[in-house]
Amino acid sequence: MSLVSLKETITISISVKDRHASAEWYKSMLGFDTIYHADEAGWSELQTNTKGVTIGLGEHTKPAPGNCVPVFGVADLDTARQKLEQAKVRFDGDTDVVEGMVKTATFHDPDGNAMMLAEDLTGGS
């Protein structure tokens, strides 16, 4: 049994220069649909053709190609983080909260690969 109970969702976070242009590219090239653009948070999310898997586009002035971060959905981020920290899993800083939208925390596997936990605060799934 695992320490953390994950939801049946995963978001693959990708660093891009222009979220809106990238969303159009993913739509025309791969058939992904835009779920939403959160301009105030510099984030867009796209539905892939795979159930439960989305692409998140994080806007950066200097994107880091190859810096792809899987984002695992959890029902209760604080509890999940506490359990992982007790198991000596390393996190980057504090939990980030965008009120009414999402709560996230970045952590690393033993080889230093970044991953993220995310709790949906919209009242959706």
C-alpha atoms as a PDB file:
ATOM      1  CA  MET A   1       0.000   0.000   0.000  1.00  0.00           C
ATOM      2  CA  SER A   2       1.302   3.466  -0.855  1.00  0.00           C
ATOM      3  CA  LEU A   3       1.701   6.367   1.568  1.00  0.00           C
ATOM      4  CA  VAL A   4      -0.426   8.681  -0.575  1.00  0.00           C
ATOM      5  CA  SER A   5      -3.787   7.981  -2.209  1.00  0.00           C
ATOM      6  CA  LEU A   6      -3.707   9.460  -5.714  1.00  0.00           C
ATOM      7  CA  LYS A   7      -6.768  10.362  -7.750  1.00  0.00           C
ATOM      8  CA  GLU A   8      -7.154   8.896 -11.241  1.00  0.00           C
ATOM      9  CA  THR A   9      -5.729  12.004 -12.879  1.00  0.00           C
ATOM     10  CA  ILE A  10      -2.320  13.182 -14.001  1.00  0.00           C
ATOM     11  CA  THR A  11      -1.325  16.507 -15.505  1.00  0.00           C
ATOM     12  CA  ILE A  12       1.906  16.764 -17.441  1.00  0.00           C
ATOM     13  CA  SER A  13       3.277  20.258 -16.832  1.00  0.00           C
ATOM     14  CA  ILE A  14       5.257  21.796 -19.690  1.00  0.00           C
ATOM     15  CA  SER A  15       7.173  25.088 -19.701  1.00  0.00           C
ATOM     16  CA  VAL A  16       6.209  27.340 -22.663  1.00  0.00           C
ATOM     17  CA  LYS A  17       6.757  30.943 -23.782  1.00  0.00           C
ATOM     18  CA  ASP A  18       3.183  31.650 -25.003  1.00  0.00           C
ATOM     19  CA  ARG A  19       0.404  29.472 -23.532  1.00  0.00           C
ATOM     20  CA  HIS A  20      -2.257  30.584 -25.981  1.00  0.00           C
ATOM     21  CA  ALA A  21      -0.087  29.886 -29.050  1.00  0.00           C
ATOM     22  CA  SER A  22       1.029  26.560 -27.559  1.00  0.00           C
ATOM     23  CA  ALA A  23      -2.577  25.564 -26.840  1.00  0.00           C
ATOM     24  CA  GLU A  24      -3.425  26.215 -30.501  1.00  0.00           C
ATOM     25  CA  TRP A  25      -0.436  24.123 -31.588  1.00  0.00           C
ATOM     26  CA  TYR A  26      -1.484  21.180 -29.383  1.00  0.00           C
ATOM     27  CA  LYS A  27      -5.035  21.484 -30.726  1.00  0.00           C
ATOM     28  CA  SER A  28      -4.098  21.572 -34.411  1.00  0.00           C
ATOM     29  CA  MET A  29      -1.238  19.058 -34.209  1.00  0.00           C
ATOM     30  CA  LEU A  30      -2.550  16.544 -31.659  1.00  0.00           C
ATOM     31  CA  GLY A  31      -6.272  17.257 -31.347  1.00  0.00           C
ATOM     32  CA  PHE A  32      -6.170  18.361 -27.688  1.00  0.00           C
ATOM     33  CA  ASP A  33      -8.942  20.675 -26.465  1.00  0.00           C
ATOM     34  CA  THR A  34      -8.336  23.678 -24.232  1.00  0.00           C
ATOM     35  CA  ILE A  35     -10.041  23.227 -20.871  1.00  0.00           C
ATOM     36  CA  TYR A  36      -9.204  26.747 -19.655  1.00  0.00           C
ATOM     37  CA  HIS A  37      -6.678  29.581 -19.631  1.00  0.00           C
ATOM     38  CA  ALA A  38      -5.919  31.028 -16.172  1.00  0.00           C
ATOM     39  CA  ASP A  39      -4.154  34.186 -17.304  1.00  0.00           C
ATOM     40  CA  GLU A  40      -3.735  35.516 -13.746  1.00  0.00           C
ATOM     41  CA  ALA A  41      -1.819  32.341 -12.833  1.00  0.00           C
ATOM     42  CA  GLY A  42       0.138  31.975 -16.102  1.00  0.00           C
ATOM     43  CA  TRP A  43      -1.382  28.534 -16.632  1.00  0.00           C
ATOM     44  CA  SER A  44      -3.452  26.793 -19.295  1.00  0.00           C
ATOM     45  CA  GLU A  45      -4.775  23.260 -19.276  1.00  0.00           C
ATOM     46  CA  LEU A  46      -5.573  20.967 -22.192  1.00  0.00           C
ATOM     47  CA  GLN A  47      -7.463  17.688 -22.345  1.00  0.00           C
ATOM     48  CA  THR A  48      -5.511  14.938 -24.081  1.00  0.00           C
ATOM     49  CA  ASN A  49      -7.156  11.997 -25.814  1.00  0.00           C
ATOM     50  CA  THR A  50      -6.392   9.853 -22.745  1.00  0.00           C
ATOM     51  CA  LYS A  51      -8.966   9.811 -19.945  1.00  0.00           C
ATOM     52  CA  GLY A  52      -7.630  11.448 -16.775  1.00  0.00           C
ATOM     53  CA  VAL A  53      -4.518  12.873 -18.478  1.00  0.00           C
ATOM     54  CA  THR A  54      -4.154  16.596 -19.162  1.00  0.00           C
ATOM     55  CA  ILE A  55      -1.334  18.843 -20.363  1.00  0.00           C
ATOM     56  CA  GLY A  56      -0.625  21.929 -18.258  1.00  0.00           C
ATOM     57  CA  LEU A  57       1.145  24.828 -19.926  1.00  0.00           C
ATOM     58  CA  GLY A  58       3.131  27.014 -17.527  1.00  0.00           C
ATOM     59  CA  GLU A  59       4.160  30.304 -19.104  1.00  0.00           C
ATOM     60  CA  HIS A  60       7.782  31.400 -18.626  1.00  0.00           C
ATOM     61  CA  THR A  61       9.798  34.143 -20.327  1.00  0.00           C
ATOM     62  CA  LYS A  62      12.607  31.591 -20.784  1.00  0.00           C
ATOM     63  CA  PRO A  63      10.993  28.157 -21.015  1.00  0.00           C
ATOM     64  CA  ALA A  64      13.069  25.143 -20.031  1.00  0.00           C
ATOM     65  CA  PRO A  65      12.554  22.520 -22.758  1.00  0.00           C
ATOM     66  CA  GLY A  66      12.727  19.006 -21.398  1.00  0.00           C
ATOM     67  CA  ASN A  67      11.618  20.197 -17.973  1.00  0.00           C
ATOM     68  CA  CYS A  68       8.427  18.136 -17.932  1.00  0.00           C
ATOM     69  CA  VAL A  69       6.827  17.709 -14.521  1.00  0.00           C
ATOM     70  CA  PRO A  70       4.109  15.100 -13.876  1.00  0.00           C
ATOM     71  CA  VAL A  71       1.421  16.533 -11.606  1.00  0.00           C
ATOM     72  CA  PHE A  72      -0.514  13.963  -9.565  1.00  0.00           C
ATOM     73  CA  GLY A  73      -4.014  14.835  -8.384  1.00  0.00           C
ATOM     74  CA  VAL A  74      -4.759  14.256  -4.686  1.00  0.00           C
ATOM     75  CA  ALA A  75      -7.883  14.851  -2.616  1.00  0.00           C
ATOM     76  CA  ASP A  76      -5.995  16.327   0.369  1.00  0.00           C
ATOM     77  CA  LEU A  77      -2.603  17.825  -0.438  1.00  0.00           C
ATOM     78  CA  ASP A  78      -1.702  18.733   3.151  1.00  0.00           C
ATOM     79  CA  THR A  79      -2.146  15.160   4.374  1.00  0.00           C
ATOM     80  CA  ALA A  80      -0.330  13.681   1.364  1.00  0.00           C
ATOM     81  CA  ARG A  81       2.577  16.096   1.799  1.00  0.00           C
ATOM     82  CA  GLN A  82       2.844  15.360   5.512  1.00  0.00           C
ATOM     83  CA  LYS A  83       3.026  11.609   4.873  1.00  0.00           C
ATOM     84  CA  LEU A  84       5.695  12.010   2.190  1.00  0.00           C
ATOM     85  CA  GLU A  85       7.749  14.403   4.316  1.00  0.00           C
ATOM     86  CA  GLN A  86       7.621  11.916   7.200  1.00  0.00           C
ATOM     87  CA  ALA A  87       9.123   9.395   4.739  1.00  0.00           C
ATOM     88  CA  LYS A  88      11.961  11.899   4.077  1.00  0.00           C
ATOM     89  CA  VAL A  89      10.743  12.939   0.606  1.00  0.00           C
ATOM     90  CA  ARG A  90      12.241  16.344  -0.282  1.00  0.00           C
ATOM     91  CA  PHE A  91       9.876  19.203  -1.215  1.00  0.00           C
ATOM     92  CA  ASP A  92      10.720  22.568  -2.790  1.00  0.00           C
ATOM     93  CA  GLY A  93       9.565  25.293  -0.417  1.00  0.00           C
ATOM     94  CA  ASP A  94       6.051  25.843   0.827  1.00  0.00           C
ATOM     95  CA  THR A  95       2.803  24.672  -0.724  1.00  0.00           C
ATOM     96  CA  ASP A  96       1.548  27.150  -3.355  1.00  0.00           C
ATOM     97  CA  VAL A  97      -2.113  28.129  -3.267  1.00  0.00           C
ATOM     98  CA  VAL A  98      -4.135  29.910  -5.942  1.00  0.00           C
ATOM     99  CA  GLU A  99      -7.331  30.597  -3.988  1.00  0.00           C
ATOM    100  CA  GLY A 100     -10.423  29.009  -5.485  1.00  0.00           C
ATOM    101  CA  MET A 101      -8.317  27.188  -8.072  1.00  0.00           C
ATOM    102  CA  VAL A 102      -5.512  24.866  -6.946  1.00  0.00           C
ATOM    103  CA  LYS A 103      -3.020  23.980  -4.226  1.00  0.00           C
ATOM    104  CA  THR A 104       0.347  22.537  -5.398  1.00  0.00           C
ATOM    105  CA  ALA A 105       3.601  21.260  -3.919  1.00  0.00           C
ATOM    106  CA  THR A 106       6.730  20.177  -5.811  1.00  0.00           C
ATOM    107  CA  PHE A 107       8.729  17.194  -4.583  1.00  0.00           C
ATOM    108  CA  HIS A 108      11.600  15.047  -5.866  1.00  0.00           C
ATOM    109  CA  ASP A 109      12.269  11.358  -6.350  1.00  0.00           C
ATOM    110  CA  PRO A 110      15.590   9.872  -5.133  1.00  0.00           C
ATOM    111  CA  ASP A 111      17.282  10.889  -8.419  1.00  0.00           C
ATOM    112  CA  GLY A 112      16.146  14.513  -8.184  1.00  0.00           C
ATOM    113  CA  ASN A 113      13.348  14.323 -10.754  1.00  0.00           C
ATOM    114  CA  ALA A 114      10.683  16.924 -10.011  1.00  0.00           C
ATOM    115  CA  MET A 115       7.052  15.912  -9.554  1.00  0.00           C
ATOM    116  CA  MET A 116       4.089  17.754  -8.151  1.00  0.00           C
ATOM    117  CA  LEU A 117       0.990  17.075  -6.068  1.00  0.00           C
ATOM    118  CA  ALA A 118      -2.126  19.133  -6.837  1.00  0.00           C
ATOM    119  CA  GLU A 119      -5.427  19.542  -5.013  1.00  0.00           C
ATOM    120  CA  ASP A 120      -8.353  20.945  -6.989  1.00  0.00           C
ATOM    121  CA  LEU A 121      -9.927  23.853  -5.062  1.00  0.00           C
ATOM    122  CA  THR A 122     -12.612  24.660  -7.651  1.00  0.00           C
ATOM    123  CA  GLY A 123     -15.134  22.298  -6.107  1.00  0.00           C
ATOM    124  CA  GLY A 124     -14.863  20.029  -9.180  1.00  0.00           C
ATOM    125  CA  SER A 125     -13.270  16.600  -9.277  1.00  0.00           C
END
